[in-house]
Amino acid sequence: MATTIRVDSGLKNECGQVFNGLGMTRGKFITFEGPEGSGKSTHIRLLRAFLEARGVEVAVTREPGGTPLGEAVRNLLQHDQSEAPVARAEVLLFLACRAQHVERLIRPALDAGTWVLCDRFDDSTMAYQGYARGFDLETLSGVNGFAVDGLRPDLTVLLDVSPGTSRARLAARGAAPDRIEREQDAFHVRVRDGFLALARREPGRFAVVNTEREQGAVERDVRAAVMDKLGIRN
């Protein structure tokens, strides 16, 4: 059943959506972050169903990817065996995908009132290329700001998992690991530490959810975070 919308002071509806200059409600932008094997795809799917059952229009996307250009670069970054990008080129490829993604998909969807659930966004660049690869965080933040053109997530769900559990989950999939998944354990430890450091810096935007538990418990915590931070009512 669709949620009944009540306008409060002419600014927000019951789901906390803000009206844009055309009188339409702006969608919410929710990003999912976490180490490899943290369960992002599963919990994006579950949250999408939860929101759509309440009458919310939802678009799901991913990084790198989301556009034809982004998907082509995703394949290049993760699976192409002809030549691995040097570290600086890797950063720039991710940022080029993000700029295209924001301009062509994410911002138009939000402006049309659609909620966007994104599997990775700019926090992954900070965690993987900053904390794990060692690029200067201030420099990365600056060039990423250029790529996103002022767009920030309304909520970031950080699905936390230990490196040992992450490695076991990847092995259980049985699929060949991509270039990032093949990195040494120390790299993935730095990635996780980076994500947690980012969450400590912006507790108002992040919801950290431990995924080393039964799936239903994780799903309930994700829903609770969305309801609490974005104002959805049962």
Protein backbone atom coordinates (compact mmCIF):
# COMPACT_ATOMS: atom_id res chain seq x y z
CA MET A 1 0.00 0.00 0.00
CA ALA A 2 1.36 3.44 -0.88
CA THR A 3 2.28 5.75 1.95
CA THR A 4 -0.10 8.67 2.52
CA ILE A 5 1.76 11.93 1.97
CA ARG A 6 1.20 14.83 4.36
CA VAL A 7 2.92 18.13 3.63
CA ASP A 8 4.47 19.79 6.68
CA SER A 9 5.04 23.57 6.41
CA GLY A 10 5.21 23.26 2.65
CA LEU A 11 8.72 21.85 2.75
CA LYS A 12 8.71 18.10 3.40
CA ASN A 13 6.48 15.12 2.97
CA GLU A 14 6.07 12.14 5.27
CA CYS A 15 9.16 10.42 3.89
CA GLY A 16 11.28 13.50 4.55
CA GLN A 17 11.54 14.42 0.85
CA VAL A 18 12.24 18.07 0.11
CA PHE A 19 10.34 19.93 -2.60
CA ASN A 20 12.49 21.32 -5.41
CA GLY A 21 11.92 24.57 -7.27
CA LEU A 22 9.40 22.96 -9.61
CA GLY A 23 7.16 21.84 -6.77
CA MET A 24 8.28 18.21 -7.09
CA THR A 25 9.70 16.25 -4.20
CA ARG A 26 13.41 15.51 -4.42
CA GLY A 27 14.42 11.88 -3.92
CA LYS A 28 16.83 10.66 -1.27
CA PHE A 29 20.32 9.47 -2.12
CA ILE A 30 21.43 6.43 -0.08
CA THR A 31 24.86 4.91 -0.61
CA PHE A 32 26.02 1.51 0.58
CA GLU A 33 29.70 1.09 1.43
CA GLY A 34 31.85 -1.62 2.94
CA PRO A 35 34.71 -4.03 2.39
CA GLU A 36 34.50 -6.85 -0.14
CA GLY A 37 31.87 -9.44 0.74
CA SER A 38 30.01 -7.17 3.16
CA GLY A 39 26.58 -7.88 1.67
CA LYS A 40 25.89 -4.64 -0.18
CA SER A 41 24.01 -6.19 -3.11
CA THR A 42 21.79 -8.26 -0.80
CA HIS A 43 20.84 -5.39 1.48
CA ILE A 44 20.27 -2.94 -1.37
CA ARG A 45 17.82 -5.44 -2.82
CA LEU A 46 16.04 -5.87 0.52
CA LEU A 47 15.86 -2.12 1.17
CA ARG A 48 14.51 -1.51 -2.31
CA ALA A 49 11.64 -3.92 -1.64
CA PHE A 50 10.98 -2.29 1.74
CA LEU A 51 10.80 1.21 0.23
CA GLU A 52 8.75 0.22 -2.80
CA ALA A 53 6.20 -1.43 -0.53
CA ARG A 54 5.71 2.03 0.99
CA GLY A 55 5.10 3.73 -2.32
CA VAL A 56 8.63 5.07 -2.84
CA GLU A 57 10.01 5.03 -6.38
CA VAL A 58 13.53 3.55 -6.26
CA ALA A 59 16.46 3.31 -8.68
CA VAL A 60 19.41 1.01 -7.96
CA THR A 61 22.84 1.67 -9.41
CA ARG A 62 26.51 0.96 -8.72
CA GLU A 63 30.05 2.27 -8.96
CA PRO A 64 31.98 2.00 -11.03
CA GLY A 65 29.13 1.68 -13.48
CA GLY A 66 25.62 3.02 -13.76
CA THR A 67 26.06 4.41 -17.28
CA PRO A 68 27.39 2.87 -20.51
CA LEU A 69 30.67 4.70 -20.00
CA GLY A 70 30.84 3.62 -16.38
CA GLU A 71 30.16 -0.02 -17.14
CA ALA A 72 32.87 -0.05 -19.81
CA VAL A 73 35.39 1.41 -17.38
CA ARG A 74 34.24 -1.02 -14.66
CA ASN A 75 35.22 -3.92 -16.88
CA LEU A 76 38.54 -2.24 -17.64
CA LEU A 77 39.29 -1.63 -13.96
CA GLN A 78 38.24 -5.01 -12.63
CA HIS A 79 38.83 -7.59 -15.32
CA ASP A 80 40.94 -6.34 -18.23
CA GLN A 81 44.22 -8.25 -18.32
CA SER A 82 45.99 -6.25 -21.02
CA GLU A 83 47.44 -3.57 -18.76
CA ALA A 84 46.78 -2.75 -15.12
CA PRO A 85 46.31 0.99 -14.54
CA VAL A 86 48.92 2.76 -12.45
CA ALA A 87 47.58 4.05 -9.15
CA ARG A 88 46.99 7.64 -10.31
CA ALA A 89 45.23 6.42 -13.45
CA GLU A 90 43.03 4.18 -11.32
CA VAL A 91 41.89 7.17 -9.27
CA LEU A 92 41.13 9.24 -12.36
CA LEU A 93 39.18 6.43 -14.01
CA PHE A 94 36.97 6.03 -10.94
CA LEU A 95 36.39 9.79 -10.80
CA ALA A 96 35.55 10.01 -14.51
CA CYS A 97 32.92 7.29 -14.03
CA ARG A 98 31.53 9.15 -11.02
CA ALA A 99 31.21 12.46 -12.85
CA GLN A 100 29.29 10.77 -15.67
CA HIS A 101 27.17 8.83 -13.18
CA VAL A 102 26.16 11.94 -11.24
CA GLU A 103 25.35 13.97 -14.34
CA ARG A 104 23.55 11.32 -16.38
CA LEU A 105 21.78 9.16 -13.80
CA ILE A 106 21.89 10.09 -10.12
CA ARG A 107 21.03 13.79 -10.11
CA PRO A 108 18.28 13.51 -12.77
CA ALA A 109 16.67 10.65 -10.83
CA LEU A 110 16.76 12.58 -7.56
CA ASP A 111 15.34 15.69 -9.21
CA ALA A 112 12.48 13.56 -10.58
CA GLY A 113 11.63 12.38 -7.05
CA THR A 114 13.22 8.93 -7.29
CA TRP A 115 15.21 7.55 -4.37
CA VAL A 116 18.62 6.32 -5.51
CA LEU A 117 20.36 3.37 -3.83
CA CYS A 118 23.98 3.23 -4.93
CA ASP A 119 26.42 0.36 -4.41
CA ARG A 120 29.56 2.39 -3.59
CA PHE A 121 30.20 6.09 -4.10
CA ASP A 122 32.89 8.58 -3.12
CA ASP A 123 33.66 7.05 0.29
CA SER A 124 35.05 4.02 -1.54
CA THR A 125 37.59 6.25 -3.26
CA MET A 126 38.68 7.62 0.11
CA ALA A 127 38.91 4.13 1.66
CA TYR A 128 40.52 2.23 -1.23
CA GLN A 129 42.67 4.84 -2.92
CA GLY A 130 43.23 7.05 0.12
CA TYR A 131 43.58 4.92 3.23
CA ALA A 132 44.61 1.70 1.46
CA ARG A 133 46.75 2.95 -1.44
CA GLY A 134 48.12 5.93 0.47
CA PHE A 135 47.00 8.90 -1.62
CA ASP A 136 46.73 12.20 0.23
CA LEU A 137 43.21 12.39 1.65
CA GLU A 138 42.88 16.15 1.24
CA THR A 139 43.88 15.95 -2.41
CA LEU A 140 41.48 13.09 -3.05
CA SER A 141 38.67 14.97 -1.34
CA GLY A 142 39.29 17.97 -3.58
CA VAL A 143 39.28 16.13 -6.90
CA ASN A 144 36.31 14.04 -5.80
CA GLY A 145 34.43 17.23 -5.00
CA PHE A 146 34.97 18.28 -8.59
CA ALA A 147 33.65 14.93 -9.84
CA VAL A 148 30.44 14.94 -7.77
CA ASP A 149 29.72 18.64 -8.36
CA GLY A 150 28.36 19.18 -4.86
CA LEU A 151 26.24 16.03 -4.61
CA ARG A 152 26.37 14.31 -1.22
CA PRO A 153 24.52 11.22 0.04
CA ASP A 154 21.64 11.80 2.42
CA LEU A 155 22.63 8.58 4.18
CA THR A 156 25.56 6.19 3.89
CA VAL A 157 25.04 2.65 5.18
CA LEU A 158 28.44 1.16 6.04
CA LEU A 159 28.17 -2.62 6.14
CA ASP A 160 31.11 -3.63 8.29
CA VAL A 161 32.81 -7.02 8.10
CA SER A 162 36.18 -8.29 9.29
CA PRO A 163 38.85 -9.12 6.68
CA GLY A 164 38.75 -12.81 7.67
CA THR A 165 35.01 -13.09 7.14
CA SER A 166 35.28 -11.09 3.94
CA ARG A 167 37.91 -13.48 2.57
CA ALA A 168 35.80 -16.52 3.52
CA ARG A 169 32.69 -15.11 1.83
CA LEU A 170 34.59 -14.35 -1.37
CA ALA A 171 35.99 -17.88 -1.43
CA ALA A 172 32.51 -19.34 -0.92
CA ARG A 173 31.21 -17.55 -4.02
CA GLY A 174 33.43 -19.69 -6.20
CA ALA A 175 33.90 -16.90 -8.76
CA ALA A 176 37.31 -15.75 -9.93
CA PRO A 177 38.36 -12.71 -7.85
CA ASP A 178 38.68 -9.36 -9.60
CA ARG A 179 41.77 -7.15 -9.47
CA ILE A 180 40.80 -5.41 -6.22
CA GLU A 181 39.75 -8.63 -4.50
CA ARG A 182 43.18 -10.11 -5.29
CA GLU A 183 44.96 -7.46 -3.20
CA GLN A 184 46.90 -8.63 -0.14
CA ASP A 185 45.20 -8.98 3.26
CA ALA A 186 46.98 -5.88 4.59
CA PHE A 187 45.34 -3.80 1.85
CA HIS A 188 41.86 -4.96 2.87
CA VAL A 189 42.61 -4.26 6.54
CA ARG A 190 43.46 -0.67 5.58
CA VAL A 191 40.26 -0.43 3.54
CA ARG A 192 38.13 -1.46 6.50
CA ASP A 193 39.99 0.87 8.86
CA GLY A 194 39.49 3.67 6.35
CA PHE A 195 35.75 3.17 6.16
CA LEU A 196 35.46 3.17 9.94
CA ALA A 197 37.55 6.34 10.17
CA LEU A 198 35.27 8.05 7.65
CA ALA A 199 32.21 7.01 9.67
CA ARG A 200 33.71 8.47 12.84
CA ARG A 201 34.27 11.77 11.03
CA GLU A 202 30.65 12.04 9.84
CA PRO A 203 28.42 10.18 12.31
CA GLY A 204 25.38 12.14 11.19
CA ARG A 205 25.59 10.76 7.66
CA PHE A 206 26.84 7.23 8.35
CA ALA A 207 25.02 4.27 9.84
CA VAL A 208 27.49 1.48 10.65
CA VAL A 209 25.92 -1.99 10.59
CA ASN A 210 27.77 -5.14 11.61
CA THR A 211 27.07 -7.81 8.98
CA GLU A 212 28.68 -10.73 10.81
CA ARG A 213 25.22 -11.71 12.06
CA GLU A 214 22.05 -13.38 10.81
CA GLN A 215 20.76 -11.66 7.67
CA GLY A 216 17.42 -10.73 9.20
CA ALA A 217 19.09 -8.84 12.04
CA VAL A 218 21.22 -6.89 9.58
CA GLU A 219 18.16 -6.12 7.45
CA ARG A 220 16.29 -4.77 10.49
CA ASP A 221 19.21 -2.52 11.41
CA VAL A 222 19.45 -1.14 7.87
CA ARG A 223 15.72 -0.39 7.85
CA ALA A 224 15.93 1.25 11.27
CA ALA A 225 18.79 3.48 10.11
CA VAL A 226 16.84 4.61 7.04
CA MET A 227 13.69 5.24 9.05
CA ASP A 228 15.54 7.12 11.78
CA LYS A 229 17.80 9.28 9.63
CA LEU A 230 15.42 9.93 6.71
CA GLY A 231 12.14 10.18 8.57
CA ILE A 232 10.18 7.25 7.14
CA ARG A 233 7.27 6.19 9.34
CA ASN A 234 5.81 2.71 9.61
